[in-house]
Every structure is written in C-alpha cells, then in structure tokens.
Protein backbone atom coordinates (compact mmCIF):
# COMPACT_ATOMS: atom_id res chain seq x y z
CA MET A 1 31.48 109.67 -1.51
CA TRP A 2 30.35 107.10 1.05
CA PHE A 3 33.59 105.17 0.68
CA ALA A 4 35.54 108.38 1.34
CA ILE A 5 33.46 109.18 4.44
CA SER A 6 33.81 105.62 5.75
CA SER A 7 37.56 105.74 5.16
CA MET A 8 37.89 109.06 7.01
CA LEU A 9 35.96 107.71 10.02
CA LEU A 10 38.04 104.53 10.12
CA TYR A 11 41.31 106.49 9.87
CA LEU A 12 40.06 108.68 12.73
CA LEU A 13 39.23 105.61 14.81
CA SER A 14 42.71 104.22 14.16
CA ILE A 15 44.24 107.50 15.33
CA LEU A 16 42.10 107.48 18.49
CA LEU A 17 43.31 103.97 19.28
CA ILE A 18 46.99 104.94 19.36
CA VAL A 19 47.22 108.65 20.27
CA PRO A 20 46.40 108.19 24.01
CA MET A 21 49.13 105.55 24.22
CA LEU A 22 51.65 107.84 22.49
CA LEU A 23 50.82 110.73 24.85
CA LYS A 24 51.37 108.49 27.87
CA ALA A 25 54.65 107.24 26.45
CA GLN A 26 55.87 110.80 25.83
CA ALA A 27 54.96 111.75 29.39
CA GLY A 28 56.94 108.79 30.71
CA ALA A 29 53.94 106.88 32.02
CA HIS A 30 53.82 103.11 31.74
CA THR A 31 51.80 102.10 28.72
CA GLU A 32 50.88 99.04 26.76
CA LYS A 33 50.74 98.75 23.02
CA PRO A 34 47.25 99.13 21.53
CA ASN A 35 45.00 96.20 20.71
CA LYS A 36 46.77 95.17 17.53
CA ILE A 37 43.89 93.19 16.07
CA LEU A 38 41.44 96.09 16.50
CA PHE A 39 43.94 98.67 15.33
CA PHE A 40 45.06 96.81 12.21
CA SER A 41 41.46 95.88 11.38
CA THR A 42 40.33 99.52 11.40
CA ALA A 43 43.46 100.66 9.53
CA LEU A 44 43.06 97.95 6.88
CA LEU A 45 39.38 98.75 6.39
CA ALA A 46 40.24 102.46 6.12
CA ILE A 47 42.80 101.75 3.39
CA ILE A 48 40.41 99.46 1.50
CA ALA A 49 37.61 102.07 1.64
CA HIS A 50 40.15 104.72 0.57
CA CYS A 51 41.07 102.60 -2.48
CA PHE A 52 37.40 102.17 -3.41
CA SER A 53 36.92 105.94 -3.15
CA LEU A 54 39.61 106.26 -5.84
CA PHE A 55 37.77 103.95 -8.24
CA PRO A 56 36.87 106.91 -10.53
CA LEU A 57 40.59 107.59 -10.90
CA LEU A 58 41.15 104.03 -12.15
CA THR A 59 38.25 104.47 -14.55
CA HIS A 60 39.87 107.65 -15.86
CA LEU A 61 43.24 105.95 -16.22
CA PHE A 62 41.91 103.13 -18.35
CA GLY A 63 39.30 105.23 -20.09
CA GLY A 64 41.73 107.84 -21.35
CA GLU A 65 40.00 110.67 -19.47
CA ASN A 66 41.31 113.41 -17.20
CA PHE A 67 42.02 113.02 -13.52
CA THR A 68 42.52 115.66 -10.85
CA LEU A 69 45.24 116.99 -8.63
CA MET A 70 43.21 116.02 -5.56
CA GLN A 71 42.91 112.44 -6.78
CA ILE A 72 46.68 112.23 -7.22
CA GLY A 73 47.25 113.60 -3.71
CA SER A 74 44.78 111.06 -2.35
CA SER A 75 46.54 108.28 -4.27
CA VAL A 76 49.87 109.25 -2.71
CA SER A 77 48.34 109.31 0.77
CA VAL A 78 46.79 105.85 0.49
CA ILE A 79 50.12 104.44 -0.74
CA VAL A 80 51.89 106.02 2.25
CA ALA A 81 49.21 104.69 4.63
CA ALA A 82 49.40 101.19 3.12
CA LEU A 83 53.21 101.08 3.28
CA ALA A 84 53.31 102.35 6.87
CA THR A 85 50.59 99.95 8.03
CA ALA A 86 52.22 97.01 6.24
CA ALA A 87 55.52 97.88 7.93
CA MET A 88 53.79 97.83 11.32
CA CYS A 89 52.29 94.42 10.48
CA LEU A 90 55.86 93.27 9.82
CA LYS A 91 56.83 94.56 13.29
CA VAL A 92 58.71 97.66 12.16
CA ASN A 93 58.03 99.32 15.52
CA THR A 94 59.70 102.63 14.64
CA LEU A 95 56.50 103.90 13.02
CA TRP A 96 54.10 104.15 15.98
CA PHE A 97 54.71 107.89 16.39
CA LEU A 98 54.40 108.51 12.64
CA LEU A 99 51.10 106.71 12.02
CA PRO A 100 48.85 109.56 13.31
CA ILE A 101 50.59 111.95 10.89
CA VAL A 102 50.20 109.46 8.02
CA TYR A 103 46.51 108.88 8.72
CA CYS A 104 45.81 112.60 9.20
CA PHE A 105 47.43 113.18 5.80
CA SER A 106 45.04 110.60 4.31
CA ILE A 107 42.01 112.22 5.97
CA ILE A 108 42.99 115.66 4.65
CA THR A 109 43.46 114.41 1.09
CA LEU A 110 40.14 112.55 1.25
CA ILE A 111 38.37 115.73 2.35
CA LEU A 112 39.99 117.68 -0.49
CA GLN A 113 39.24 114.92 -3.00
CA THR A 114 35.58 114.81 -1.94
CA CYS A 115 34.84 118.50 -1.48
CA LEU A 116 37.08 120.41 -3.85
CA PRO A 117 37.34 120.23 -7.62
CA GLY A 118 40.93 119.67 -8.70
CA SER A 119 42.81 121.00 -11.68
CA VAL A 120 43.50 118.69 -14.57
CA VAL A 121 46.95 117.13 -14.46
CA GLN A 122 47.30 114.83 -17.44
CA HIS A 123 45.30 113.30 -20.23
CA LEU A 124 45.91 109.58 -20.42
CA SER A 125 45.17 107.08 -23.09
CA GLN A 126 46.07 103.43 -22.74
CA ASN A 127 49.80 104.00 -22.66
CA THR A 128 51.60 101.33 -20.63
CA GLY A 129 54.86 103.27 -20.44
CA LEU A 130 53.10 106.36 -19.15
CA LEU A 131 51.20 104.36 -16.54
CA ILE A 132 54.50 102.83 -15.35
CA HIS A 133 55.97 106.32 -15.06
CA ILE A 134 52.99 107.55 -12.99
CA ALA A 135 53.11 104.48 -10.72
CA LEU A 136 56.85 104.97 -10.11
CA ALA A 137 56.31 108.67 -9.43
CA LEU A 138 53.60 107.97 -6.84
CA PHE A 139 55.65 105.31 -5.06
CA ALA A 140 58.78 107.50 -5.15
CA TYR A 141 56.91 110.38 -3.52
CA ALA A 142 55.33 108.06 -0.94
CA VAL A 143 58.65 106.48 0.09
CA CYS A 144 60.42 109.86 0.22
CA PHE A 145 57.54 111.16 2.36
CA ILE A 146 58.06 108.27 4.81
CA ALA A 147 61.81 109.02 4.87
CA THR A 148 60.99 112.64 5.72
CA LEU A 149 58.74 111.51 8.58
CA TYR A 150 61.62 109.38 9.83
CA ALA A 151 63.89 112.45 9.66
CA VAL A 152 61.41 114.42 11.79
CA GLN A 153 61.20 111.55 14.25
CA LEU A 154 65.00 111.39 14.41
CA GLY A 155 65.17 115.08 15.25
CA TRP A 156 62.48 114.71 17.93
CA ILE A 157 64.19 111.73 19.63
CA ASP A 158 67.63 113.37 19.42
CA HIS A 159 66.28 116.61 20.92
CA ASN A 160 64.59 114.79 23.81
CA LEU A 161 67.66 112.69 24.52
CA LYS A 162 69.95 115.74 24.62
CA HIS A 163 67.58 117.57 26.97
CA LYS A 164 66.95 114.42 29.04
CA LYS A 165 63.22 114.48 28.32
CA MET A 166 63.03 110.96 26.88
CA SER A 167 61.57 108.30 29.15
CA PHE A 168 61.87 104.58 28.57
CA SER A 169 58.88 103.06 26.85
CA PRO A 170 58.45 99.86 24.80
CA ILE A 171 56.96 101.89 21.94
CA VAL A 172 59.72 104.53 21.79
CA PRO A 173 62.21 103.12 19.26
CA PRO A 174 66.00 103.32 19.78
CA LEU A 175 67.65 106.21 17.96
CA MET A 176 69.97 103.93 15.96
CA THR A 177 67.05 101.78 14.80
CA VAL A 178 65.13 104.83 13.57
CA GLU A 179 68.26 106.08 11.85
CA ARG A 180 68.79 102.75 10.09
CA HIS A 181 65.20 102.69 8.81
CA PHE A 182 65.52 106.33 7.80
CA PHE A 183 68.52 105.68 5.57
CA ARG A 184 66.93 102.59 4.04
CA SER A 185 63.80 104.59 3.21
CA MET A 186 65.83 107.43 1.73
CA LEU A 187 67.88 105.05 -0.42
CA SER A 188 64.70 103.31 -1.64
CA GLY A 189 63.12 106.68 -2.41
CA GLU A 190 66.20 107.80 -4.34
CA ILE A 191 66.17 104.61 -6.41
CA LEU A 192 62.47 105.02 -7.21
CA LEU A 193 62.99 108.69 -8.03
CA THR A 194 65.84 107.75 -10.39
CA LEU A 195 63.56 105.27 -12.16
CA THR A 196 60.83 107.92 -12.30
CA LEU A 197 63.12 110.43 -14.02
CA LEU A 198 64.41 107.80 -16.44
CA SER A 199 60.91 106.57 -17.34
CA GLY A 200 59.73 110.17 -17.77
CA SER A 201 62.54 110.97 -20.19
CA ILE A 202 61.78 107.78 -22.15
CA TYR A 203 57.98 107.66 -22.21
CA LEU A 204 57.04 111.36 -22.10
CA ALA A 205 57.74 113.02 -25.42
CA ASP A 206 57.15 116.46 -23.86
CA PHE A 207 59.09 115.76 -20.64
CA PHE A 208 61.34 118.78 -21.30
CA ALA A 209 58.65 120.91 -22.93
CA ALA A 210 57.75 124.32 -21.48
CA SER A 211 54.64 122.89 -19.82
CA ASN A 212 56.67 120.26 -17.91
CA ILE A 213 60.08 121.88 -17.50
CA GLN A 214 59.31 123.11 -13.97
CA LYS A 215 58.28 119.64 -12.87
CA ALA A 216 61.37 118.05 -14.45
CA ALA A 217 63.71 120.68 -13.01
CA PHE A 218 62.39 120.48 -9.43
CA SER A 219 62.34 116.66 -9.57
CA PHE A 220 65.97 116.65 -10.72
CA LEU A 221 66.94 119.12 -7.97
CA ALA A 222 65.25 116.90 -5.38
CA TRP A 223 67.12 113.89 -6.80
CA ILE A 224 70.42 115.79 -6.44
CA VAL A 225 69.67 116.84 -2.83
CA PHE A 226 68.72 113.30 -1.77
CA GLY A 227 71.77 111.95 -3.60
CA LEU A 228 74.11 114.41 -1.89
CA ALA A 229 72.67 113.43 1.49
CA LEU A 230 73.22 109.73 0.83
CA ILE A 231 76.76 110.28 -0.49
CA GLY A 232 77.52 112.55 2.47
CA HIS A 233 76.36 109.86 4.89
CA TRP A 234 78.28 107.12 3.06
CA LYS A 235 81.55 108.98 2.50
CA LEU A 236 81.59 111.72 5.16
CA HIS A 237 79.43 110.02 7.81
CA TRP A 238 76.88 112.84 7.92
CA ARG A 239 74.25 112.48 10.65
CA GLY A 240 71.85 114.49 12.75
CA LYS A 241 70.71 117.98 11.76
CA LYS A 242 72.56 118.06 8.44
CA MET A 243 70.76 114.93 7.22
CA ILE A 244 67.42 116.20 8.47
CA ILE A 245 67.89 119.54 6.66
CA TYR A 246 68.86 117.82 3.41
CA THR A 247 65.90 115.42 3.62
CA ILE A 248 63.30 118.09 4.33
CA SER A 249 64.78 120.34 1.62
CA GLY A 250 64.63 117.50 -0.91
CA MET A 251 61.04 116.74 0.06
CA ILE A 252 60.03 120.39 -0.37
CA LEU A 253 61.56 120.40 -3.87
CA LEU A 254 59.81 117.13 -4.72
CA THR A 255 56.47 118.47 -3.47
CA ILE A 256 56.88 121.58 -5.63
CA ALA A 257 57.70 119.31 -8.58
CA TYR A 258 54.66 117.08 -8.08
CA PHE A 259 52.09 119.64 -7.01
CA GLY A 260 53.38 123.21 -6.78
CA SER A 261 54.79 123.43 -10.30
CA ARG A 262 51.47 122.27 -11.76
CA VAL A 263 49.52 124.81 -9.71
CA MET A 264 51.88 127.62 -10.76
CA PHE A 265 51.62 126.60 -14.41
CA ASP A 266 47.80 126.45 -14.26
CA LEU A 267 47.74 129.92 -12.71
C-alpha cells in the first residue's frame, strides 16, 4: 500500500509542476517549460513506485493464482504513463498537454487498486503463450489509449485555431506534428491489437467460448474500426472530425472488450 500511496503523491507532484505552465500557455501568457530534471525525476519515481505496487500481480502471474480487474487497469495505466514519459524524455513535445490526463488516470487506477476489491479475470499457470497474449493486450490498449488522447488533442487544437483562440507558445505543438504522431500511434496500436487477436486465437483454447465471446467480438469490432480509420486516411485522406470519431469509437469498443464485457459477464 505504501508504494501505491507514494506513487500517487509523486504523480500529483508531477501534475502540479506542469499544470500552471499549461494554463498560462492556453491563456496566451509567456511561459517557460518546467524544470525538466525535477519533473522527470518525480515522474520516474512515480512510475517505479507504481510498478512496485503491482508486485502482487507479478507474484500471481508466476504463481498461477488469480489477479483482479483493478490490477489490470493499474497495469495499463503504468504502461501508458511510462510510454508517455519516455516519449517526453525523447523530446516528443506533443505530449505536454496529455501528461496530466495520463497521470490522473494512473492515480485513479491506483486508488481503485488499493481501496476496492476487483473481480477475478483469469486463472494463470505458467503458460508462456498466455503471458505473451496478456502482455500484447496490455500494450495494445495502452498505445490505443495514447492515440485517443492525441485525437482529443487534435480536436482541441483544431477548434482553437478555427475560433482564433490559439496563442503562440513553445509548448503548444503544431497541428501537423500532433497529427503525424497521432497516426503513428494509431498504426502501432492496430498492429499490436492484430497480434493480440492472433495470439488469443492461438494460445487461448476457449477464446471463442461463451465466457469470452463478448471480449473477442468487441476486440474484433475495435480492430475493424481502427483499420477503417487507417485505410480511410491512407486511401481517402480522411482527417479532422471523422478520424477523431472513429478513434474514440474504436477506443470505446476496446474498453468494453477489456473491461466492460468482463463486468457484464460477472454480473
């Protein structure tokens, strides 16, 4: 529990380091980027503490015991936080406005993981193929989640530009740069989701059983929606609202597949 509490406090400190700067940038005031050393130090420590808080999950994985829905949600959030923070370390400056959302997501999942008992998701023995499938599924969801955040950011920048509310700031990324990163993230998420579906059909004997059919169906629908969006952009040059709608719709389907379908089945 102490690792979870420490992680939450460090995530909160990271948010407090960048939110004032983002508010000033949105208002058009001159602003400097945050102290990178302090910010990345707190973010890195938050992620490390978050990983240690998930140590029981690793014990369950290799011990063949059950793990919970809350632990899976927390695992997804720490992957998203780690990917976003690593991207910022590599100077992908399109993520400044998304980091508070990412870290808030991590804080929420940590609170749920610590305070609420989750429902059982899967019983694991030492099955390498199944572990690969779970790892791919978590990374696919994390990358698709980042692509969805990029879609929201695209809509926000486009709206402000059309209504002439966008002021120049060194931390506000160009629209075309955000769009490029958005499509790269979506393509990466689609590839990982494809591998997830393939590994599930190979390594899960009951992948199409009644207990898993909702998960498989919603995952496949999400894969189709993301695929249509990518094909539409490649062949028909789709952009703007249409891409945002497709991305958010695909993410909703994927969330139902990963979490909602399990909750409905347990009920």
